[in-house]
Amino acid sequence: MMQAQDRDAVALSARTLGALFSFAPDSEQVAPLIAALRDGSWQSQWPWPVADGLAAQFAIASDEPLAEAWQRLFIGPWALPAPPWGSVWLDKESVLFGDSTLALREWMRATGISLSERRAEPEDHFGTLLLLAAWLCESAQDEAFNQLLAWHLLPWSGRFLSVFIAGAENPFYQALGQLAQETLARWQAQLPCAVADKPLYR
């Protein structure tokens, strides 16, 4: 069973990162988080040590406004440098709503999890899975949290984040990708079960 302190740390980091990967930078969910990341006030509140260089990278100025970077990285209209849906990485056809998405849906159904909103977005969006991980921690569903990570998130998130960082071309989102990499590595180190070994197709 996860200790309460560890659970709080994972929930805080998952909810923060999940929001930053899910919502536009000018949204009410994310604007305060971006302000904190840029002024450095978040570093002392983060559950684990963060290198000063990484923390400072969030404040580096860029010619590309953050809203435009978000559009390019998460919306389009051009091909996304690192599509944030698991099935793009886990399915041979690299499609949305692929077999891995259906497997996630079946697991959610068997676990009694239903997303509250009506969604056109596939459930295996990286940000959505982080927010789900936060909710599972906050509600002390440790077994479901471990399964979500081991079966449905960590098998592809490392590759996704590496490609995301390489293609971000924006210091804020490069730093966000690196922070997510470090944070998920912390989670995996505490995981009591092995991460599923799944082939990746990107």
N, C-alpha and C. Protein backbone atom coordinates (compact mmCIF):
# COMPACT_ATOMS: atom_id res chain seq x y z
N MET A 1 0.85 -1.20 0.00
CA MET A 1 0.00 0.00 0.00
C MET A 1 0.88 1.25 0.00
N MET A 2 0.50 2.23 -0.79
CA MET A 2 1.24 3.46 -0.85
C MET A 2 1.06 4.26 0.45
N GLN A 3 2.16 4.82 0.95
CA GLN A 3 2.08 5.65 2.14
C GLN A 3 1.37 6.96 1.82
N ALA A 4 0.73 7.55 2.82
CA ALA A 4 -0.06 8.77 2.60
C ALA A 4 0.80 9.89 2.02
N GLN A 5 2.03 10.03 2.51
CA GLN A 5 2.92 11.08 2.02
C GLN A 5 3.25 10.87 0.55
N ASP A 6 3.55 9.61 0.19
CA ASP A 6 3.84 9.30 -1.21
C ASP A 6 2.61 9.53 -2.09
N ARG A 7 1.45 9.15 -1.57
CA ARG A 7 0.21 9.32 -2.32
C ARG A 7 -0.06 10.79 -2.59
N ASP A 8 0.15 11.63 -1.59
CA ASP A 8 -0.06 13.08 -1.76
C ASP A 8 0.91 13.65 -2.79
N ALA A 9 2.16 13.19 -2.76
CA ALA A 9 3.16 13.68 -3.70
C ALA A 9 2.80 13.32 -5.14
N VAL A 10 2.40 12.07 -5.34
CA VAL A 10 2.04 11.62 -6.68
C VAL A 10 0.78 12.35 -7.15
N ALA A 11 -0.20 12.50 -6.28
CA ALA A 11 -1.44 13.17 -6.67
C ALA A 11 -1.18 14.61 -7.08
N LEU A 12 -0.36 15.33 -6.31
CA LEU A 12 -0.05 16.72 -6.64
C LEU A 12 0.66 16.83 -7.98
N SER A 13 1.67 16.01 -8.17
CA SER A 13 2.43 16.07 -9.43
C SER A 13 1.58 15.63 -10.61
N ALA A 14 0.76 14.60 -10.42
CA ALA A 14 -0.08 14.11 -11.51
C ALA A 14 -1.13 15.14 -11.91
N ARG A 15 -1.75 15.78 -10.93
CA ARG A 15 -2.79 16.76 -11.25
C ARG A 15 -2.18 17.98 -11.94
N THR A 16 -1.01 18.41 -11.48
CA THR A 16 -0.35 19.57 -12.08
C THR A 16 0.07 19.28 -13.52
N LEU A 17 0.79 18.19 -13.72
CA LEU A 17 1.25 17.85 -15.06
C LEU A 17 0.08 17.50 -15.97
N GLY A 18 -0.91 16.80 -15.44
CA GLY A 18 -2.07 16.44 -16.24
C GLY A 18 -2.78 17.67 -16.78
N ALA A 19 -2.93 18.69 -15.95
CA ALA A 19 -3.58 19.92 -16.40
C ALA A 19 -2.74 20.60 -17.47
N LEU A 20 -1.42 20.67 -17.27
CA LEU A 20 -0.55 21.38 -18.21
C LEU A 20 -0.50 20.69 -19.57
N PHE A 21 -0.69 19.37 -19.60
CA PHE A 21 -0.71 18.65 -20.87
C PHE A 21 -2.12 18.58 -21.47
N SER A 22 -3.14 19.00 -20.72
CA SER A 22 -4.53 18.84 -21.17
C SER A 22 -5.19 20.14 -21.61
N PHE A 23 -4.78 21.26 -21.02
CA PHE A 23 -5.51 22.52 -21.22
C PHE A 23 -4.60 23.59 -21.81
N ALA A 24 -5.21 24.48 -22.60
CA ALA A 24 -4.48 25.56 -23.23
C ALA A 24 -3.88 26.50 -22.18
N PRO A 25 -2.77 27.16 -22.50
CA PRO A 25 -2.07 27.96 -21.49
C PRO A 25 -2.86 29.15 -20.96
N ASP A 26 -3.85 29.62 -21.71
CA ASP A 26 -4.65 30.75 -21.22
C ASP A 26 -5.94 30.29 -20.53
N SER A 27 -6.09 28.98 -20.30
CA SER A 27 -7.28 28.47 -19.64
C SER A 27 -7.22 28.75 -18.15
N GLU A 28 -8.39 28.76 -17.52
CA GLU A 28 -8.42 29.01 -16.07
C GLU A 28 -7.78 27.88 -15.28
N GLN A 29 -7.75 26.68 -15.86
CA GLN A 29 -7.14 25.55 -15.16
C GLN A 29 -5.62 25.67 -15.11
N VAL A 30 -5.04 26.31 -16.12
CA VAL A 30 -3.59 26.25 -16.30
C VAL A 30 -2.88 27.59 -16.09
N ALA A 31 -3.55 28.69 -16.37
CA ALA A 31 -2.88 30.00 -16.28
C ALA A 31 -2.17 30.22 -14.94
N PRO A 32 -2.78 29.90 -13.79
CA PRO A 32 -2.05 30.09 -12.52
C PRO A 32 -0.83 29.17 -12.40
N LEU A 33 -0.92 27.96 -12.95
CA LEU A 33 0.21 27.04 -12.89
C LEU A 33 1.37 27.58 -13.72
N ILE A 34 1.07 28.12 -14.89
CA ILE A 34 2.12 28.67 -15.74
C ILE A 34 2.78 29.86 -15.06
N ALA A 35 1.99 30.71 -14.42
CA ALA A 35 2.56 31.85 -13.70
C ALA A 35 3.52 31.38 -12.61
N ALA A 36 3.15 30.34 -11.88
CA ALA A 36 4.01 29.81 -10.81
C ALA A 36 5.28 29.19 -11.38
N LEU A 37 5.16 28.46 -12.49
CA LEU A 37 6.33 27.86 -13.11
C LEU A 37 7.30 28.93 -13.60
N ARG A 38 6.77 30.02 -14.12
CA ARG A 38 7.64 31.06 -14.68
C ARG A 38 8.30 31.91 -13.61
N ASP A 39 7.65 32.10 -12.48
CA ASP A 39 8.28 32.95 -11.44
C ASP A 39 9.09 32.13 -10.44
N GLY A 40 9.10 30.81 -10.60
CA GLY A 40 9.93 29.96 -9.77
C GLY A 40 9.35 29.59 -8.42
N SER A 41 8.16 30.07 -8.13
CA SER A 41 7.59 29.82 -6.80
C SER A 41 7.19 28.36 -6.59
N TRP A 42 7.10 27.60 -7.65
CA TRP A 42 6.67 26.21 -7.55
C TRP A 42 7.78 25.28 -7.08
N GLN A 43 9.03 25.68 -7.30
CA GLN A 43 10.15 24.73 -7.11
C GLN A 43 10.21 24.20 -5.68
N SER A 44 10.01 25.07 -4.71
CA SER A 44 10.09 24.64 -3.30
C SER A 44 8.88 23.81 -2.89
N GLN A 45 7.79 23.87 -3.68
CA GLN A 45 6.58 23.13 -3.34
C GLN A 45 6.48 21.79 -4.07
N TRP A 46 7.36 21.57 -5.04
CA TRP A 46 7.33 20.31 -5.79
C TRP A 46 7.75 19.18 -4.88
N PRO A 47 7.14 18.02 -5.00
CA PRO A 47 7.41 16.94 -4.03
C PRO A 47 8.84 16.41 -4.05
N TRP A 48 9.57 16.61 -5.16
CA TRP A 48 10.92 16.07 -5.27
C TRP A 48 11.87 17.18 -5.73
N PRO A 49 13.16 17.02 -5.47
CA PRO A 49 14.12 18.05 -5.89
C PRO A 49 14.10 18.25 -7.41
N VAL A 50 14.23 19.50 -7.81
CA VAL A 50 14.27 19.86 -9.23
C VAL A 50 15.54 20.68 -9.46
N ALA A 51 16.29 20.32 -10.49
CA ALA A 51 17.53 21.05 -10.79
C ALA A 51 17.21 22.51 -11.10
N ASP A 52 18.08 23.41 -10.63
CA ASP A 52 17.86 24.84 -10.85
C ASP A 52 17.79 25.16 -12.34
N GLY A 53 18.60 24.46 -13.13
CA GLY A 53 18.60 24.72 -14.56
C GLY A 53 17.26 24.40 -15.21
N LEU A 54 16.64 23.30 -14.79
CA LEU A 54 15.34 22.94 -15.33
C LEU A 54 14.28 23.93 -14.86
N ALA A 55 14.32 24.30 -13.60
CA ALA A 55 13.34 25.26 -13.09
C ALA A 55 13.45 26.60 -13.82
N ALA A 56 14.69 27.03 -14.11
CA ALA A 56 14.90 28.31 -14.78
C ALA A 56 14.43 28.28 -16.24
N GLN A 57 14.44 27.10 -16.85
CA GLN A 57 14.08 27.00 -18.26
C GLN A 57 12.63 27.41 -18.51
N PHE A 58 11.76 27.23 -17.52
CA PHE A 58 10.36 27.62 -17.71
C PHE A 58 10.21 29.12 -17.95
N ALA A 59 11.16 29.92 -17.48
CA ALA A 59 11.06 31.38 -17.59
C ALA A 59 11.79 31.95 -18.81
N ILE A 60 12.45 31.08 -19.59
CA ILE A 60 13.19 31.58 -20.76
C ILE A 60 12.22 32.12 -21.80
N ALA A 61 12.51 33.31 -22.30
CA ALA A 61 11.65 33.94 -23.30
C ALA A 61 11.77 33.22 -24.64
N SER A 62 10.69 33.24 -25.40
CA SER A 62 10.67 32.61 -26.72
C SER A 62 9.96 33.53 -27.70
N ASP A 63 10.40 33.50 -28.96
CA ASP A 63 9.72 34.28 -29.98
C ASP A 63 8.32 33.74 -30.27
N GLU A 64 8.10 32.48 -29.95
CA GLU A 64 6.80 31.85 -30.18
C GLU A 64 5.93 32.00 -28.94
N PRO A 65 4.81 32.70 -29.02
CA PRO A 65 3.92 32.79 -27.86
C PRO A 65 3.49 31.40 -27.39
N LEU A 66 3.25 31.28 -26.10
CA LEU A 66 2.91 29.98 -25.53
C LEU A 66 1.64 29.41 -26.15
N ALA A 67 0.67 30.27 -26.44
CA ALA A 67 -0.58 29.79 -27.05
C ALA A 67 -0.32 29.19 -28.43
N GLU A 68 0.60 29.78 -29.19
CA GLU A 68 0.92 29.24 -30.51
C GLU A 68 1.68 27.92 -30.39
N ALA A 69 2.56 27.84 -29.40
CA ALA A 69 3.27 26.58 -29.17
C ALA A 69 2.28 25.47 -28.80
N TRP A 70 1.33 25.79 -27.94
CA TRP A 70 0.29 24.82 -27.57
C TRP A 70 -0.47 24.34 -28.81
N GLN A 71 -0.86 25.27 -29.66
CA GLN A 71 -1.60 24.92 -30.88
C GLN A 71 -0.77 23.99 -31.75
N ARG A 72 0.50 24.30 -31.90
CA ARG A 72 1.37 23.49 -32.76
C ARG A 72 1.61 22.11 -32.17
N LEU A 73 1.73 22.01 -30.85
CA LEU A 73 2.09 20.74 -30.22
C LEU A 73 0.91 19.82 -29.94
N PHE A 74 -0.28 20.41 -29.75
CA PHE A 74 -1.41 19.60 -29.28
C PHE A 74 -2.64 19.63 -30.19
N ILE A 75 -2.75 20.62 -31.05
CA ILE A 75 -3.99 20.79 -31.82
C ILE A 75 -3.77 20.62 -33.32
N GLY A 76 -2.79 21.24 -33.89
CA GLY A 76 -2.59 21.24 -35.33
C GLY A 76 -2.83 22.63 -35.91
N PRO A 77 -3.13 22.76 -37.18
CA PRO A 77 -3.64 21.75 -38.11
C PRO A 77 -2.59 20.83 -38.72
N TRP A 78 -1.31 21.16 -38.56
CA TRP A 78 -0.28 20.31 -39.15
C TRP A 78 -0.01 19.11 -38.24
N ALA A 79 0.76 18.17 -38.75
CA ALA A 79 1.07 16.96 -37.98
C ALA A 79 1.73 17.34 -36.66
N LEU A 80 1.29 16.72 -35.59
CA LEU A 80 1.85 17.00 -34.27
C LEU A 80 3.22 16.35 -34.14
N PRO A 81 4.21 17.04 -33.57
CA PRO A 81 5.54 16.43 -33.41
C PRO A 81 5.51 15.16 -32.57
N ALA A 82 4.65 15.14 -31.54
CA ALA A 82 4.54 13.96 -30.66
C ALA A 82 3.07 13.82 -30.26
N PRO A 83 2.28 13.10 -31.02
CA PRO A 83 0.86 12.94 -30.68
C PRO A 83 0.70 12.39 -29.27
N PRO A 84 -0.17 13.01 -28.44
CA PRO A 84 -0.24 12.63 -27.02
C PRO A 84 -1.20 11.50 -26.69
N TRP A 85 -1.53 10.65 -27.67
CA TRP A 85 -2.46 9.54 -27.44
C TRP A 85 -1.71 8.21 -27.49
N GLY A 86 -1.99 7.36 -26.53
CA GLY A 86 -1.26 6.12 -26.43
C GLY A 86 -1.34 5.23 -27.65
N SER A 87 -2.52 5.19 -28.29
CA SER A 87 -2.69 4.26 -29.42
C SER A 87 -1.81 4.64 -30.61
N VAL A 88 -1.43 5.91 -30.72
CA VAL A 88 -0.54 6.31 -31.81
C VAL A 88 0.82 5.63 -31.68
N TRP A 89 1.20 5.32 -30.45
CA TRP A 89 2.49 4.69 -30.19
C TRP A 89 2.38 3.17 -30.07
N LEU A 90 1.24 2.69 -29.61
CA LEU A 90 1.09 1.27 -29.28
C LEU A 90 0.46 0.44 -30.38
N ASP A 91 -0.23 1.06 -31.32
CA ASP A 91 -0.93 0.32 -32.38
C ASP A 91 -0.14 0.36 -33.68
N LYS A 92 -0.11 -0.76 -34.40
CA LYS A 92 0.65 -0.82 -35.64
C LYS A 92 0.23 0.25 -36.63
N GLU A 93 -1.07 0.56 -36.66
CA GLU A 93 -1.58 1.54 -37.62
C GLU A 93 -1.38 2.98 -37.14
N SER A 94 -0.93 3.16 -35.89
CA SER A 94 -0.71 4.49 -35.30
C SER A 94 -1.95 5.38 -35.45
N VAL A 95 -3.10 4.83 -35.07
CA VAL A 95 -4.37 5.54 -35.23
C VAL A 95 -4.95 5.91 -33.86
N LEU A 96 -5.87 6.88 -33.86
CA LEU A 96 -6.63 7.19 -32.67
C LEU A 96 -7.71 6.12 -32.47
N PHE A 97 -8.13 5.91 -31.24
CA PHE A 97 -9.15 4.92 -30.90
C PHE A 97 -8.75 3.53 -31.39
N GLY A 98 -7.46 3.21 -31.25
CA GLY A 98 -6.98 1.89 -31.69
C GLY A 98 -7.24 0.82 -30.63
N ASP A 99 -6.64 -0.35 -30.86
CA ASP A 99 -6.87 -1.49 -29.96
C ASP A 99 -6.45 -1.18 -28.53
N SER A 100 -5.37 -0.42 -28.37
CA SER A 100 -4.91 -0.11 -27.01
C SER A 100 -5.89 0.82 -26.30
N THR A 101 -6.56 1.69 -27.05
CA THR A 101 -7.60 2.53 -26.45
C THR A 101 -8.77 1.67 -26.00
N LEU A 102 -9.14 0.70 -26.82
CA LEU A 102 -10.24 -0.19 -26.45
C LEU A 102 -9.87 -1.02 -25.22
N ALA A 103 -8.61 -1.43 -25.13
CA ALA A 103 -8.16 -2.18 -23.95
C ALA A 103 -8.23 -1.30 -22.69
N LEU A 104 -7.86 -0.03 -22.84
CA LEU A 104 -7.97 0.91 -21.71
C LEU A 104 -9.43 1.07 -21.31
N ARG A 105 -10.32 1.21 -22.29
CA ARG A 105 -11.75 1.35 -21.98
C ARG A 105 -12.27 0.12 -21.22
N GLU A 106 -11.87 -1.06 -21.66
CA GLU A 106 -12.32 -2.27 -21.01
C GLU A 106 -11.81 -2.35 -19.58
N TRP A 107 -10.55 -1.95 -19.39
CA TRP A 107 -10.00 -1.93 -18.03
C TRP A 107 -10.75 -0.92 -17.16
N MET A 108 -11.05 0.25 -17.70
CA MET A 108 -11.80 1.26 -16.94
C MET A 108 -13.18 0.73 -16.57
N ARG A 109 -13.82 0.05 -17.51
CA ARG A 109 -15.15 -0.51 -17.24
C ARG A 109 -15.07 -1.56 -16.14
N ALA A 110 -14.07 -2.44 -16.23
CA ALA A 110 -13.93 -3.50 -15.23
C ALA A 110 -13.56 -2.94 -13.86
N THR A 111 -12.89 -1.79 -13.85
CA THR A 111 -12.46 -1.18 -12.60
C THR A 111 -13.52 -0.25 -12.02
N GLY A 112 -14.57 0.00 -12.80
CA GLY A 112 -15.62 0.88 -12.33
C GLY A 112 -15.31 2.35 -12.49
N ILE A 113 -14.47 2.68 -13.48
CA ILE A 113 -14.09 4.07 -13.73
C ILE A 113 -14.85 4.57 -14.94
N SER A 114 -15.46 5.74 -14.80
CA SER A 114 -16.09 6.39 -15.95
C SER A 114 -15.71 7.86 -15.91
N LEU A 115 -15.29 8.38 -17.06
CA LEU A 115 -14.96 9.80 -17.14
C LEU A 115 -16.26 10.59 -17.12
N SER A 116 -16.29 11.67 -16.37
CA SER A 116 -17.54 12.36 -16.09
C SER A 116 -18.09 13.11 -17.30
N GLU A 117 -17.23 13.52 -18.22
CA GLU A 117 -17.68 14.33 -19.33
C GLU A 117 -17.90 13.50 -20.59
N ARG A 118 -18.74 13.98 -21.46
CA ARG A 118 -18.90 13.37 -22.77
C ARG A 118 -17.74 13.83 -23.63
N ARG A 119 -16.97 12.88 -24.14
CA ARG A 119 -15.72 13.23 -24.79
C ARG A 119 -15.69 12.75 -26.23
N ALA A 120 -15.18 13.62 -27.10
CA ALA A 120 -14.80 13.18 -28.43
C ALA A 120 -13.33 12.75 -28.42
N GLU A 121 -12.60 13.18 -27.40
CA GLU A 121 -11.17 12.88 -27.25
C GLU A 121 -10.98 11.45 -26.77
N PRO A 122 -10.03 10.71 -27.37
CA PRO A 122 -9.73 9.37 -26.84
C PRO A 122 -9.29 9.43 -25.38
N GLU A 123 -9.64 8.40 -24.64
CA GLU A 123 -9.32 8.36 -23.22
C GLU A 123 -7.82 8.22 -22.94
N ASP A 124 -7.06 7.79 -23.96
CA ASP A 124 -5.64 7.52 -23.72
C ASP A 124 -4.75 8.73 -23.98
N HIS A 125 -5.32 9.94 -23.92
CA HIS A 125 -4.52 11.16 -24.00
C HIS A 125 -3.60 11.21 -22.78
N PHE A 126 -2.35 11.59 -22.99
CA PHE A 126 -1.36 11.61 -21.91
C PHE A 126 -1.85 12.43 -20.72
N GLY A 127 -2.37 13.64 -20.98
CA GLY A 127 -2.85 14.49 -19.90
C GLY A 127 -4.03 13.87 -19.16
N THR A 128 -4.94 13.26 -19.90
CA THR A 128 -6.10 12.61 -19.28
C THR A 128 -5.67 11.48 -18.35
N LEU A 129 -4.70 10.69 -18.79
CA LEU A 129 -4.22 9.58 -17.96
C LEU A 129 -3.53 10.09 -16.69
N LEU A 130 -2.83 11.21 -16.80
CA LEU A 130 -2.22 11.80 -15.60
C LEU A 130 -3.30 12.28 -14.62
N LEU A 131 -4.34 12.91 -15.14
CA LEU A 131 -5.42 13.36 -14.27
C LEU A 131 -6.16 12.18 -13.64
N LEU A 132 -6.31 11.10 -14.40
CA LEU A 132 -6.91 9.90 -13.84
C LEU A 132 -6.02 9.31 -12.75
N ALA A 133 -4.71 9.33 -12.98
CA ALA A 133 -3.78 8.84 -11.95
C ALA A 133 -3.91 9.67 -10.68
N ALA A 134 -4.05 10.98 -10.83
CA ALA A 134 -4.22 11.85 -9.65
C ALA A 134 -5.48 11.47 -8.89
N TRP A 135 -6.57 11.26 -9.61
CA TRP A 135 -7.84 10.91 -8.97
C TRP A 135 -7.75 9.58 -8.24
N LEU A 136 -7.08 8.61 -8.85
CA LEU A 136 -6.93 7.31 -8.20
C LEU A 136 -6.11 7.43 -6.92
N CYS A 137 -5.09 8.27 -6.94
CA CYS A 137 -4.30 8.48 -5.72
C CYS A 137 -5.15 9.18 -4.66
N GLU A 138 -5.85 10.21 -5.06
CA GLU A 138 -6.64 10.99 -4.10
C GLU A 138 -7.74 10.14 -3.46
N SER A 139 -8.22 9.15 -4.19
CA SER A 139 -9.27 8.27 -3.65
C SER A 139 -8.71 6.95 -3.12
N ALA A 140 -7.37 6.90 -2.98
CA ALA A 140 -6.67 5.75 -2.36
C ALA A 140 -6.96 4.43 -3.06
N GLN A 141 -7.08 4.48 -4.39
CA GLN A 141 -7.27 3.25 -5.17
C GLN A 141 -5.89 2.80 -5.69
N ASP A 142 -5.08 2.30 -4.78
CA ASP A 142 -3.68 2.02 -5.09
C ASP A 142 -3.53 0.94 -6.17
N GLU A 143 -4.32 -0.12 -6.08
CA GLU A 143 -4.19 -1.21 -7.07
C GLU A 143 -4.52 -0.71 -8.47
N ALA A 144 -5.60 0.06 -8.60
CA ALA A 144 -5.97 0.60 -9.90
C ALA A 144 -4.91 1.58 -10.40
N PHE A 145 -4.36 2.38 -9.51
CA PHE A 145 -3.29 3.31 -9.89
C PHE A 145 -2.09 2.54 -10.45
N ASN A 146 -1.68 1.49 -9.76
CA ASN A 146 -0.54 0.70 -10.22
C ASN A 146 -0.81 0.06 -11.57
N GLN A 147 -2.03 -0.44 -11.77
CA GLN A 147 -2.38 -1.05 -13.06
C GLN A 147 -2.41 -0.01 -14.17
N LEU A 148 -2.95 1.16 -13.89
CA LEU A 148 -2.99 2.22 -14.90
C LEU A 148 -1.58 2.54 -15.38
N LEU A 149 -0.67 2.71 -14.45
CA LEU A 149 0.70 3.04 -14.82
C LEU A 149 1.37 1.89 -15.56
N ALA A 150 1.27 0.68 -14.99
CA ALA A 150 2.02 -0.45 -15.52
C ALA A 150 1.49 -0.94 -16.86
N TRP A 151 0.20 -0.84 -17.08
CA TRP A 151 -0.41 -1.39 -18.29
C TRP A 151 -0.72 -0.35 -19.37
N HIS A 152 -1.07 0.86 -18.95
CA HIS A 152 -1.65 1.79 -19.91
C HIS A 152 -0.92 3.11 -20.08
N LEU A 153 0.04 3.44 -19.22
CA LEU A 153 0.74 4.72 -19.34
C LEU A 153 2.24 4.55 -19.55
N LEU A 154 2.91 3.91 -18.62
CA LEU A 154 4.37 3.83 -18.69
C LEU A 154 4.90 3.02 -19.88
N PRO A 155 4.16 2.07 -20.44
CA PRO A 155 4.71 1.36 -21.60
C PRO A 155 5.02 2.27 -22.80
N TRP A 156 4.36 3.43 -22.90
CA TRP A 156 4.60 4.31 -24.05
C TRP A 156 5.02 5.72 -23.68
N SER A 157 4.84 6.12 -22.42
CA SER A 157 5.05 7.54 -22.06
C SER A 157 6.51 7.97 -22.20
N GLY A 158 7.45 7.07 -21.94
CA GLY A 158 8.85 7.44 -22.07
C GLY A 158 9.21 7.84 -23.48
N ARG A 159 8.77 7.03 -24.45
CA ARG A 159 9.03 7.34 -25.86
C ARG A 159 8.30 8.62 -26.27
N PHE A 160 7.05 8.76 -25.87
CA PHE A 160 6.30 9.97 -26.18
C PHE A 160 7.03 11.20 -25.66
N LEU A 161 7.47 11.19 -24.42
CA LEU A 161 8.10 12.38 -23.83
C LEU A 161 9.43 12.69 -24.50
N SER A 162 10.20 11.67 -24.87
CA SER A 162 11.46 11.92 -25.57
C SER A 162 11.22 12.63 -26.90
N VAL A 163 10.22 12.17 -27.65
CA VAL A 163 9.92 12.79 -28.94
C VAL A 163 9.29 14.18 -28.72
N PHE A 164 8.47 14.31 -27.68
CA PHE A 164 7.86 15.60 -27.37
C PHE A 164 8.93 16.65 -27.07
N ILE A 165 9.91 16.31 -26.25
CA ILE A 165 10.97 17.25 -25.91
C ILE A 165 11.77 17.63 -27.15
N ALA A 166 12.10 16.63 -27.97
CA ALA A 166 12.89 16.89 -29.18
C ALA A 166 12.16 17.79 -30.16
N GLY A 167 10.83 17.67 -30.21
CA GLY A 167 10.06 18.44 -31.18
C GLY A 167 9.41 19.69 -30.63
N ALA A 168 9.57 19.96 -29.34
CA ALA A 168 8.84 21.07 -28.73
C ALA A 168 9.27 22.43 -29.28
N GLU A 169 10.57 22.64 -29.44
CA GLU A 169 11.11 23.89 -29.99
C GLU A 169 10.61 25.12 -29.23
N ASN A 170 10.31 24.93 -27.96
CA ASN A 170 9.85 26.01 -27.10
C ASN A 170 10.38 25.71 -25.70
N PRO A 171 11.10 26.64 -25.08
CA PRO A 171 11.75 26.31 -23.80
C PRO A 171 10.77 25.90 -22.70
N PHE A 172 9.58 26.51 -22.66
CA PHE A 172 8.62 26.15 -21.63
C PHE A 172 8.17 24.70 -21.79
N TYR A 173 7.79 24.32 -23.00
CA TYR A 173 7.28 22.96 -23.20
C TYR A 173 8.40 21.92 -23.19
N GLN A 174 9.63 22.32 -23.57
CA GLN A 174 10.75 21.41 -23.38
C GLN A 174 10.96 21.12 -21.89
N ALA A 175 10.90 22.17 -21.08
CA ALA A 175 11.05 21.99 -19.63
C ALA A 175 9.91 21.16 -19.06
N LEU A 176 8.69 21.39 -19.56
CA LEU A 176 7.55 20.60 -19.09
C LEU A 176 7.75 19.12 -19.40
N GLY A 177 8.22 18.83 -20.60
CA GLY A 177 8.48 17.44 -20.96
C GLY A 177 9.55 16.82 -20.06
N GLN A 178 10.61 17.57 -19.77
CA GLN A 178 11.67 17.05 -18.91
C GLN A 178 11.17 16.84 -17.48
N LEU A 179 10.35 17.76 -16.98
CA LEU A 179 9.79 17.60 -15.64
C LEU A 179 8.89 16.37 -15.59
N ALA A 180 8.10 16.16 -16.63
CA ALA A 180 7.25 14.96 -16.69
C ALA A 180 8.10 13.70 -16.73
N GLN A 181 9.19 13.71 -17.51
CA GLN A 181 10.09 12.55 -17.56
C GLN A 181 10.61 12.20 -16.17
N GLU A 182 11.12 13.21 -15.47
CA GLU A 182 11.70 12.97 -14.15
C GLU A 182 10.64 12.50 -13.16
N THR A 183 9.45 13.07 -13.27
CA THR A 183 8.39 12.74 -12.32
C THR A 183 7.89 11.32 -12.53
N LEU A 184 7.68 10.94 -13.78
CA LEU A 184 7.21 9.57 -14.04
C LEU A 184 8.27 8.54 -13.68
N ALA A 185 9.54 8.92 -13.79
CA ALA A 185 10.61 8.01 -13.34
C ALA A 185 10.52 7.79 -11.83
N ARG A 186 10.17 8.84 -11.09
CA ARG A 186 9.96 8.71 -9.64
C ARG A 186 8.80 7.75 -9.36
N TRP A 187 7.71 7.93 -10.09
CA TRP A 187 6.56 7.04 -9.89
C TRP A 187 6.95 5.59 -10.17
N GLN A 188 7.65 5.39 -11.29
CA GLN A 188 7.99 4.01 -11.67
C GLN A 188 8.90 3.36 -10.63
N ALA A 189 9.79 4.15 -10.04
CA ALA A 189 10.69 3.60 -9.03
C ALA A 189 9.93 3.09 -7.81
N GLN A 190 8.74 3.66 -7.56
CA GLN A 190 7.94 3.25 -6.41
C GLN A 190 6.91 2.17 -6.77
N LEU A 191 6.81 1.84 -8.05
CA LEU A 191 5.77 0.92 -8.50
C LEU A 191 6.07 -0.50 -8.01
N PRO A 192 5.09 -1.17 -7.39
CA PRO A 192 5.35 -2.51 -6.84
C PRO A 192 5.20 -3.63 -7.87
N CYS A 193 4.97 -3.28 -9.12
CA CYS A 193 4.83 -4.31 -10.15
C CYS A 193 5.59 -3.88 -11.39
N ALA A 194 5.86 -4.85 -12.26
CA ALA A 194 6.63 -4.58 -13.46
C ALA A 194 5.77 -3.84 -14.50
N VAL A 195 6.41 -2.97 -15.26
CA VAL A 195 5.74 -2.28 -16.35
C VAL A 195 5.62 -3.25 -17.53
N ALA A 196 4.45 -3.30 -18.13
CA ALA A 196 4.22 -4.19 -19.27
C ALA A 196 5.16 -3.84 -20.42
N ASP A 197 5.72 -4.86 -21.02
CA ASP A 197 6.64 -4.68 -22.15
C ASP A 197 5.82 -4.75 -23.44
N LYS A 198 5.55 -3.60 -24.03
CA LYS A 198 4.73 -3.55 -25.23
C LYS A 198 5.53 -2.95 -26.38
N PRO A 199 5.39 -3.51 -27.59
CA PRO A 199 6.10 -2.94 -28.73
C PRO A 199 5.57 -1.55 -29.07
N LEU A 200 6.48 -0.67 -29.49
CA LEU A 200 6.11 0.68 -29.89
C LEU A 200 6.32 0.82 -31.39
N TYR A 201 5.46 1.58 -32.03
CA TYR A 201 5.46 1.67 -33.49
C TYR A 201 5.79 3.07 -33.99
N ARG A 202 6.28 3.93 -33.10
CA ARG A 202 6.79 5.24 -33.51
C ARG A 202 8.06 5.52 -32.73
